[in-house]
Amino acid sequence: MLKRLLFLVAFILVCILHSGAQTLLSVDEPRAERLFAMLLHNETDSLYAQLNSEVKAALRHDQLEGTMRQVETAVGAYLGHAVWQHERVAGTNVLTTLLRFERGRLKLVFAFDAQGLVSGLRLMPVPQESDEYIVPDGVVEIIDTVRTAPRVALPCVITLSAQPNPPMIVMVHGSGPLDRDETVMANHTFRDLAHQLALHGVCSLRYDKRTFVCQCPVDNMDDETVLDAMSAVSLACQYNNNVYLLGHSLGAMMAPIIAGRSDTLLRGIVMMAAPARDLLPIVREQVEYLHAATADTTDLQAMLELVTAKMQADSPHYLLPQGQVEAARKLSLPKLLLQGGRDYQVPPAELELWRQALGETEAVYRLYPSLNHLFLEGEGPSLPTEYQRSGVIHEQVVNDIVEFVCSHRHN
């Protein structure tokens, strides 16, 4: 899961509201430089000692191990970084720099509390293109909130259509701390899909993932995705009586389980790049693929062991069988499964496993030979560097989704 590799240390900045904080920026800049050196050289003990108690409560020591090594596996060798930029946020000193790698850039953010300890740490991809975006003419959006529990409130966007009795699609993200647009480097998969669907008369609801919004404990797939998706479906039903569930990657894997627990509310499910197998063998195959495709000289077995250990430390629930195939077999809902032929994160063989499990009468299957994991068109072997180029989901994918939901909606 490349997205997890690129968001290895994705801790939303903790804003410490101490009005008396007077830490000097001239002190924080060399401190940030030293901390980055610790991160770069895997000096985990030294770095962890500089975190304040709130960050330590959300981050275990072993979760920092090998962070930069995994980042370099995804985007190439570290080349250098820009000057530190200073900002004052709610009484907290925030320092930011751009890290340059062979195949991309990442933004590194440190926040410091009044005692000079790290109160926030974030590492995120930087798209090559501008983030400026204009909503297409004819597309109307409103803001709402998905609420799962008193402490979980997730901002969401509902994209409307002028068509009478339009279907509505709830979008469920892949792995990692993703925003409502499912932003991956220069691409915004859910935002672009929502707008294209709206132009075809289909509404949608997309929301910020829990792991993007807050530091809530995530101990299982219910916390990671299922409960919030169920809440999003319930909210969508307040606007519409023709609600469908669409999942991408991890969201597609969990879609049958989510639908099974929301069955009376949904009209069908769309599964984009859905793993049929457990996640661990798929992730290990990703590592093997990238190792060969990039002619990496690092010991492959060591990399596989590191990735497995990282999953065990960060997200042990990813290693557990989820039973998505059996859940899909039990569903009487219409199902549409979509797969890119150039997808190395969830390879085309997964679609065939779904076909074998569900048969030809229980689902509709679509394979797009030239598309990658984000359903963007390309040529040759797919690599992470593709995601640095902004693209739009292929028109045929949109058409297939529109045809599916419109053919099953109730009047």
Protein backbone atom coordinates (compact mmCIF):
# COMPACT_ATOMS: atom_id res chain seq x y z
CA MET A 1 0.00 0.00 0.00
CA LEU A 2 2.00 2.92 -1.30
CA LYS A 3 -0.26 5.40 0.43
CA ARG A 4 0.75 3.95 3.79
CA LEU A 5 4.42 4.19 2.87
CA LEU A 6 4.02 7.84 1.91
CA PHE A 7 2.09 8.68 5.08
CA LEU A 8 4.37 6.74 7.43
CA VAL A 9 4.50 9.48 10.04
CA ALA A 10 1.16 11.22 9.44
CA PHE A 11 0.38 12.71 12.82
CA ILE A 12 -2.03 15.61 12.64
CA LEU A 13 -0.40 18.58 14.31
CA VAL A 14 -1.38 18.90 17.94
CA CYS A 15 -2.07 22.56 18.63
CA ILE A 16 -1.06 23.22 22.22
CA LEU A 17 -3.04 26.23 23.39
CA HIS A 18 -0.57 27.75 25.86
CA SER A 19 -0.85 31.52 25.55
CA GLY A 20 2.43 31.95 27.38
CA ALA A 21 4.52 29.93 24.92
CA GLN A 22 7.51 32.03 23.87
CA THR A 23 9.88 29.47 22.29
CA LEU A 24 12.27 31.32 19.97
CA LEU A 25 12.27 30.37 16.30
CA SER A 26 16.04 30.78 16.23
CA VAL A 27 16.22 27.95 18.77
CA ASP A 28 13.66 25.76 17.02
CA GLU A 29 15.35 25.77 13.60
CA PRO A 30 18.55 23.98 14.66
CA ARG A 31 16.39 21.73 16.85
CA ALA A 32 14.31 20.78 13.81
CA GLU A 33 17.50 20.12 11.85
CA ARG A 34 18.80 17.79 14.56
CA LEU A 35 15.48 15.95 14.76
CA PHE A 36 15.42 15.45 11.01
CA ALA A 37 18.96 14.05 11.16
CA MET A 38 17.73 11.55 13.76
CA LEU A 39 14.84 10.57 11.49
CA LEU A 40 17.11 10.30 8.46
CA HIS A 41 19.68 8.11 10.21
CA ASN A 42 17.10 5.99 12.08
CA GLU A 43 18.24 7.22 15.51
CA THR A 44 14.90 6.16 16.94
CA ASP A 45 15.80 6.34 20.64
CA SER A 46 17.05 9.90 20.38
CA LEU A 47 14.08 11.05 18.32
CA TYR A 48 11.49 9.43 20.55
CA ALA A 49 13.00 11.10 23.60
CA GLN A 50 12.20 14.50 22.04
CA LEU A 51 8.46 13.82 21.70
CA ASN A 52 6.09 15.26 24.27
CA SER A 53 3.75 13.05 26.30
CA GLU A 54 0.73 13.57 24.01
CA VAL A 55 2.59 12.42 20.91
CA LYS A 56 4.10 9.48 22.80
CA ALA A 57 0.60 8.44 23.85
CA ALA A 58 -0.40 8.24 20.17
CA LEU A 59 2.87 6.85 18.82
CA ARG A 60 4.81 3.82 19.94
CA HIS A 61 8.59 3.79 19.81
CA ASP A 62 8.73 0.93 17.31
CA GLN A 63 6.49 2.81 14.84
CA LEU A 64 9.38 5.17 14.04
CA GLU A 65 11.77 2.35 13.12
CA GLY A 66 12.88 2.36 9.48
CA THR A 67 10.63 5.25 8.45
CA MET A 68 13.06 6.92 6.04
CA ARG A 69 14.14 3.60 4.60
CA GLN A 70 10.57 2.82 3.58
CA VAL A 71 10.11 6.33 2.22
CA GLU A 72 13.24 5.96 0.08
CA THR A 73 11.92 2.63 -1.19
CA ALA A 74 8.86 4.49 -2.47
CA VAL A 75 10.39 7.71 -3.85
CA GLY A 76 14.12 7.06 -4.23
CA ALA A 77 17.22 8.22 -2.41
CA TYR A 78 17.17 11.37 -0.28
CA LEU A 79 18.87 14.29 -2.06
CA GLY A 80 18.51 17.24 0.31
CA HIS A 81 16.00 19.68 1.73
CA ALA A 82 14.95 23.33 1.43
CA VAL A 83 15.32 26.02 4.09
CA TRP A 84 13.05 25.75 7.09
CA GLN A 85 9.88 27.84 7.02
CA HIS A 86 8.51 29.21 10.32
CA GLU A 87 4.87 29.64 11.32
CA ARG A 88 3.07 30.35 14.57
CA VAL A 89 -0.16 28.31 14.95
CA ALA A 90 -2.32 28.73 18.08
CA GLY A 91 0.72 29.44 20.21
CA THR A 92 2.75 26.59 18.73
CA ASN A 93 5.93 27.01 16.69
CA VAL A 94 5.65 25.05 13.44
CA LEU A 95 8.65 24.44 11.17
CA THR A 96 8.27 23.06 7.66
CA THR A 97 10.72 22.03 4.95
CA LEU A 98 10.55 20.26 1.59
CA LEU A 99 12.56 17.05 1.29
CA ARG A 100 13.86 16.17 -2.19
CA PHE A 101 14.14 12.56 -3.35
CA GLU A 102 15.05 10.99 -6.68
CA ARG A 103 11.42 10.48 -7.64
CA GLY A 104 9.51 13.13 -5.77
CA ARG A 105 9.23 15.56 -2.88
CA LEU A 106 7.79 15.27 0.63
CA LYS A 107 6.86 17.95 3.13
CA LEU A 108 8.20 17.49 6.66
CA VAL A 109 6.50 19.36 9.51
CA PHE A 110 7.59 19.67 13.13
CA ALA A 111 5.59 21.46 15.83
CA PHE A 112 7.10 22.39 19.20
CA ASP A 113 5.38 23.00 22.52
CA ALA A 114 6.38 25.58 25.14
CA GLN A 115 9.01 23.20 26.56
CA GLY A 116 10.63 22.74 23.16
CA LEU A 117 9.39 19.14 22.80
CA VAL A 118 7.80 17.84 19.61
CA SER A 119 4.01 18.25 19.80
CA GLY A 120 3.38 17.32 16.17
CA LEU A 121 5.18 15.48 13.37
CA ARG A 122 3.97 14.99 9.82
CA LEU A 123 5.45 13.69 6.58
CA MET A 124 3.35 14.03 3.43
CA PRO A 125 3.70 13.97 -0.36
CA VAL A 126 3.85 17.19 -2.37
CA PRO A 127 2.20 17.23 -5.81
CA GLN A 128 4.11 18.71 -8.72
CA GLU A 129 1.09 20.60 -10.00
CA SER A 130 -0.75 23.46 -8.31
CA ASP A 131 -3.47 22.52 -5.83
CA GLU A 132 -5.78 25.20 -7.27
CA TYR A 133 -8.99 23.67 -8.53
CA ILE A 134 -12.26 25.10 -9.82
CA VAL A 135 -15.47 23.13 -9.37
CA PRO A 136 -16.95 22.47 -12.85
CA ASP A 137 -19.97 24.50 -13.98
CA GLY A 138 -23.19 22.75 -13.11
CA VAL A 139 -21.75 21.00 -10.04
CA VAL A 140 -23.17 22.04 -6.65
CA GLU A 141 -21.62 20.97 -3.33
CA ILE A 142 -22.75 21.32 0.27
CA ILE A 143 -20.90 20.65 3.51
CA ASP A 144 -22.12 18.29 6.22
CA THR A 145 -20.64 16.06 8.93
CA VAL A 146 -20.47 12.28 9.29
CA ARG A 147 -20.87 11.42 12.98
CA THR A 148 -20.05 7.96 14.28
CA ALA A 149 -19.69 8.62 18.00
CA PRO A 150 -19.66 11.70 20.22
CA ARG A 151 -15.92 12.11 19.63
CA VAL A 152 -15.83 11.26 15.90
CA ALA A 153 -17.08 14.02 13.60
CA LEU A 154 -15.82 13.82 10.01
CA PRO A 155 -16.30 16.74 7.59
CA CYS A 156 -17.90 15.63 4.35
CA VAL A 157 -18.90 17.05 0.97
CA ILE A 158 -22.15 16.13 -0.75
CA THR A 159 -22.07 16.70 -4.50
CA LEU A 160 -25.54 17.23 -5.95
CA SER A 161 -27.14 16.71 -9.32
CA ALA A 162 -30.04 18.57 -10.94
CA GLN A 163 -31.54 15.29 -12.21
CA PRO A 164 -34.82 14.15 -10.62
CA ASN A 165 -34.44 11.31 -8.10
CA PRO A 166 -30.70 10.86 -8.77
CA PRO A 167 -28.73 7.97 -7.25
CA MET A 168 -26.17 8.83 -4.56
CA ILE A 169 -22.81 7.11 -4.06
CA VAL A 170 -20.96 7.00 -0.71
CA MET A 171 -17.21 6.80 -1.31
CA VAL A 172 -14.95 4.79 1.02
CA HIS A 173 -11.18 5.35 0.92
CA GLY A 174 -8.16 3.13 0.65
CA SER A 175 -5.63 2.61 3.45
CA GLY A 176 -3.88 5.36 5.36
CA PRO A 177 -4.94 8.82 6.60
CA LEU A 178 -6.78 10.08 3.51
CA ASP A 179 -8.86 13.20 3.04
CA ARG A 180 -12.32 13.36 1.48
CA ASP A 181 -10.80 13.70 -2.00
CA GLU A 182 -8.61 10.60 -1.54
CA THR A 183 -5.58 12.75 -2.39
CA VAL A 184 -2.54 10.74 -3.50
CA MET A 185 0.36 12.93 -4.58
CA ALA A 186 -0.93 15.06 -7.50
CA ASN A 187 -4.23 13.21 -7.82
CA HIS A 188 -7.61 13.61 -6.14
CA THR A 189 -9.42 10.42 -7.05
CA PHE A 190 -12.69 10.89 -5.18
CA ARG A 191 -13.03 14.61 -5.90
CA ASP A 192 -12.59 14.11 -9.63
CA LEU A 193 -14.89 11.09 -9.67
CA ALA A 194 -17.57 12.98 -7.70
CA HIS A 195 -17.55 15.85 -10.16
CA GLN A 196 -17.64 13.61 -13.22
CA LEU A 197 -20.51 11.63 -11.71
CA ALA A 198 -22.44 14.83 -10.95
CA LEU A 199 -22.15 15.88 -14.59
CA HIS A 200 -23.77 12.52 -15.45
CA GLY A 201 -26.63 13.00 -13.00
CA VAL A 202 -25.24 11.01 -10.02
CA CYS A 203 -24.84 12.52 -6.53
CA SER A 204 -22.13 11.49 -4.08
CA LEU A 205 -20.91 11.83 -0.51
CA ARG A 206 -17.21 11.83 0.36
CA TYR A 207 -15.73 12.41 3.80
CA ASP A 208 -12.40 12.85 5.56
CA LYS A 209 -11.18 9.57 6.98
CA ARG A 210 -11.02 9.22 10.75
CA THR A 211 -7.25 8.72 10.68
CA PHE A 212 -6.91 11.97 8.70
CA VAL A 213 -9.01 14.04 11.09
CA CYS A 214 -7.97 12.94 14.56
CA GLN A 215 -5.69 10.83 16.72
CA CYS A 216 -8.46 8.41 17.65
CA PRO A 217 -7.28 4.89 18.54
CA VAL A 218 -7.55 2.51 15.56
CA ASP A 219 -7.43 -1.09 16.75
CA ASN A 220 -9.44 -2.86 14.06
CA MET A 221 -11.18 -2.43 10.71
CA ASP A 222 -14.30 -1.13 12.41
CA ASP A 223 -12.26 1.81 13.70
CA GLU A 224 -10.32 2.16 10.45
CA THR A 225 -13.22 2.25 8.03
CA VAL A 226 -16.38 0.19 8.67
CA LEU A 227 -18.20 2.22 11.33
CA ASP A 228 -17.58 5.58 9.67
CA ALA A 229 -18.70 4.22 6.30
CA MET A 230 -21.92 2.94 7.90
CA SER A 231 -22.48 6.39 9.40
CA ALA A 232 -21.86 7.97 5.99
CA VAL A 233 -24.46 5.65 4.44
CA SER A 234 -26.98 6.65 7.13
CA LEU A 235 -26.31 10.33 6.43
CA ALA A 236 -26.66 9.80 2.67
CA CYS A 237 -30.04 8.16 3.22
CA GLN A 238 -31.25 11.39 4.80
CA TYR A 239 -30.71 13.05 1.41
CA ASN A 240 -31.59 10.23 -0.97
CA ASN A 241 -33.39 6.86 -1.20
CA ASN A 242 -31.11 5.43 -3.91
CA VAL A 243 -27.81 5.03 -2.06
CA TYR A 244 -24.86 2.97 -3.30
CA LEU A 245 -21.52 2.19 -1.69
CA LEU A 246 -18.28 2.67 -3.64
CA GLY A 247 -14.98 1.52 -2.18
CA HIS A 248 -11.46 1.90 -3.53
CA SER A 249 -8.60 -0.44 -2.57
CA LEU A 250 -9.01 -1.13 1.18
CA GLY A 251 -12.45 0.51 0.98
CA ALA A 252 -13.38 -1.89 -1.83
CA MET A 253 -12.09 -4.85 0.17
CA MET A 254 -14.31 -3.85 3.10
CA ALA A 255 -17.32 -2.84 0.98
CA PRO A 256 -19.09 -6.24 1.20
CA ILE A 257 -18.68 -6.19 4.98
CA ILE A 258 -19.95 -2.61 5.26
CA ALA A 259 -22.86 -3.41 2.94
CA GLY A 260 -23.71 -6.55 4.91
CA ARG A 261 -24.14 -4.43 8.01
CA SER A 262 -26.10 -1.72 6.13
CA ASP A 263 -27.93 -4.03 3.76
CA THR A 264 -31.42 -2.58 4.10
CA LEU A 265 -30.16 0.91 3.19
CA LEU A 266 -28.15 0.19 0.04
CA ARG A 267 -29.05 -0.47 -3.59
CA GLY A 268 -25.66 -1.89 -4.66
CA ILE A 269 -21.89 -1.72 -4.27
CA VAL A 270 -19.04 -0.69 -6.56
CA MET A 271 -15.61 -2.20 -5.79
CA MET A 272 -12.62 -0.49 -7.41
CA ALA A 273 -9.32 -2.41 -7.14
CA ALA A 274 -10.64 -4.74 -4.45
CA PRO A 275 -8.26 -7.24 -2.80
CA ALA A 276 -9.79 -10.71 -2.66
CA ARG A 277 -6.89 -12.10 -0.62
CA ASP A 278 -5.60 -10.99 2.77
CA LEU A 279 -3.49 -7.83 2.73
CA LEU A 280 -0.10 -9.18 3.83
CA PRO A 281 0.68 -11.28 0.71
CA ILE A 282 -0.50 -8.42 -1.51
CA VAL A 283 1.74 -5.90 0.26
CA ARG A 284 4.71 -8.26 0.07
CA GLU A 285 4.10 -8.66 -3.67
CA GLN A 286 4.13 -4.86 -4.00
CA VAL A 287 7.55 -4.77 -2.37
CA GLU A 288 8.84 -7.51 -4.65
CA TYR A 289 7.44 -5.73 -7.72
CA LEU A 290 9.01 -2.38 -6.84
CA HIS A 291 12.31 -4.03 -5.90
CA ALA A 292 12.53 -5.58 -9.37
CA ALA A 293 11.06 -2.65 -11.32
CA THR A 294 13.45 -0.10 -9.79
CA ALA A 295 16.51 -2.38 -9.78
CA ASP A 296 16.82 -1.78 -6.04
CA THR A 297 20.05 -3.21 -4.61
CA THR A 298 18.68 -3.44 -1.05
CA ASP A 299 18.35 -6.97 0.29
CA LEU A 300 14.83 -8.03 -0.68
CA GLN A 301 14.31 -10.38 2.25
CA ALA A 302 15.31 -7.64 4.69
CA MET A 303 12.81 -5.28 3.04
CA LEU A 304 10.03 -7.85 3.28
CA GLU A 305 10.77 -8.45 6.94
CA LEU A 306 10.80 -4.69 7.59
CA VAL A 307 7.46 -4.15 5.87
CA THR A 308 5.87 -7.03 7.77
CA ALA A 309 7.23 -5.71 11.07
CA LYS A 310 6.00 -2.21 10.22
CA MET A 311 2.48 -3.50 9.54
CA GLN A 312 2.54 -5.50 12.74
CA ALA A 313 3.62 -2.42 14.71
CA ASP A 314 1.46 0.22 13.03
CA SER A 315 -1.68 -1.61 11.92
CA PRO A 316 -1.82 -5.19 13.20
CA HIS A 317 -5.46 -5.44 12.12
CA TYR A 318 -4.23 -5.27 8.50
CA LEU A 319 -2.68 -8.70 9.03
CA LEU A 320 -5.95 -10.34 10.04
CA PRO A 321 -8.29 -12.12 7.61
CA GLN A 322 -11.37 -9.96 7.02
CA GLY A 323 -13.65 -12.44 5.26
CA GLN A 324 -14.55 -10.08 2.42
CA VAL A 325 -15.17 -12.85 -0.13
CA GLU A 326 -17.55 -14.75 2.13
CA ALA A 327 -19.32 -11.49 3.00
CA ALA A 328 -19.77 -10.75 -0.71
CA ARG A 329 -21.19 -14.24 -1.33
CA LYS A 330 -23.89 -13.59 1.25
CA LEU A 331 -24.93 -10.27 -0.29
CA SER A 332 -27.95 -10.20 -2.56
CA LEU A 333 -27.08 -6.65 -3.65
CA PRO A 334 -25.92 -5.89 -7.21
CA LYS A 335 -22.11 -5.68 -7.42
CA LEU A 336 -19.80 -3.97 -9.90
CA LEU A 337 -16.08 -4.83 -9.70
CA LEU A 338 -13.60 -2.61 -11.54
CA GLN A 339 -9.88 -3.31 -12.02
CA GLY A 340 -6.94 -1.59 -13.70
CA GLY A 341 -4.75 -3.88 -15.78
CA ARG A 342 -1.57 -1.97 -14.84
CA ASP A 343 -2.32 -1.91 -11.10
CA TYR A 344 0.64 -3.29 -9.12
CA GLN A 345 -0.87 -2.43 -5.72
CA VAL A 346 -3.92 -4.63 -6.26
CA PRO A 347 -3.03 -6.72 -9.33
CA PRO A 348 -5.52 -7.91 -11.97
CA ALA A 349 -5.31 -11.46 -10.58
CA GLU A 350 -7.50 -10.25 -7.70
CA LEU A 351 -10.38 -9.59 -10.10
CA GLU A 352 -10.14 -13.18 -11.35
CA LEU A 353 -10.28 -14.44 -7.77
CA TRP A 354 -13.48 -12.46 -7.26
CA ARG A 355 -14.90 -13.88 -10.49
CA GLN A 356 -14.12 -17.44 -9.36
CA ALA A 357 -15.68 -16.79 -5.96
CA LEU A 358 -18.85 -14.98 -7.06
CA GLY A 359 -19.46 -16.33 -10.54
CA GLU A 360 -20.83 -14.51 -13.57
CA THR A 361 -24.40 -14.05 -12.37
CA GLU A 362 -23.67 -12.43 -8.98
CA ALA A 363 -21.56 -9.49 -10.18
CA VAL A 364 -20.46 -7.42 -13.18
CA TYR A 365 -16.70 -7.33 -13.86
CA ARG A 366 -14.73 -4.72 -15.80
CA LEU A 367 -10.99 -4.83 -16.57
CA TYR A 368 -9.26 -1.77 -18.06
CA PRO A 369 -5.90 -2.95 -19.45
CA SER A 370 -4.18 0.48 -19.61
CA LEU A 371 -5.25 1.84 -16.20
CA ASN A 372 -3.29 1.88 -12.92
CA HIS A 373 -4.38 1.70 -9.28
CA LEU A 374 -5.90 5.20 -9.44
CA PHE A 375 -7.67 4.28 -12.69
CA LEU A 376 -5.48 6.66 -14.66
CA GLU A 377 -4.31 5.73 -18.14
CA GLY A 378 -0.64 5.00 -18.89
CA GLU A 379 1.81 2.75 -20.69
CA GLY A 380 4.36 0.19 -19.55
CA PRO A 381 4.91 -1.00 -15.98
CA SER A 382 3.23 1.18 -13.37
CA LEU A 383 5.48 2.90 -10.81
CA PRO A 384 4.87 5.27 -7.87
CA THR A 385 6.23 8.18 -9.93
CA GLU A 386 3.05 8.01 -12.05
CA TYR A 387 1.08 9.39 -9.12
CA GLN A 388 3.12 12.60 -9.24
CA ARG A 389 1.44 13.47 -12.55
CA SER A 390 -2.06 14.82 -12.23
CA GLY A 391 -4.67 12.82 -14.10
CA VAL A 392 -8.40 12.17 -14.29
CA ILE A 393 -10.21 8.85 -13.90
CA HIS A 394 -10.80 7.33 -17.31
CA GLU A 395 -14.13 8.22 -18.92
CA GLN A 396 -15.10 4.57 -19.45
CA VAL A 397 -14.82 3.91 -15.71
CA VAL A 398 -17.20 6.79 -15.01
CA ASN A 399 -19.61 5.58 -17.70
CA ASP A 400 -19.63 2.05 -16.30
CA ILE A 401 -20.38 3.31 -12.79
CA VAL A 402 -23.16 5.58 -14.04
CA GLU A 403 -24.74 2.78 -16.06
CA PHE A 404 -24.59 0.42 -13.07
CA VAL A 405 -26.18 2.73 -10.49
CA CYS A 406 -28.83 4.09 -12.86
CA SER A 407 -29.89 0.60 -13.93
CA HIS A 408 -30.52 -0.49 -10.34
CA ARG A 409 -32.05 2.62 -8.80
CA HIS A 410 -35.63 2.64 -7.49
CA ASN A 411 -38.13 5.27 -8.60
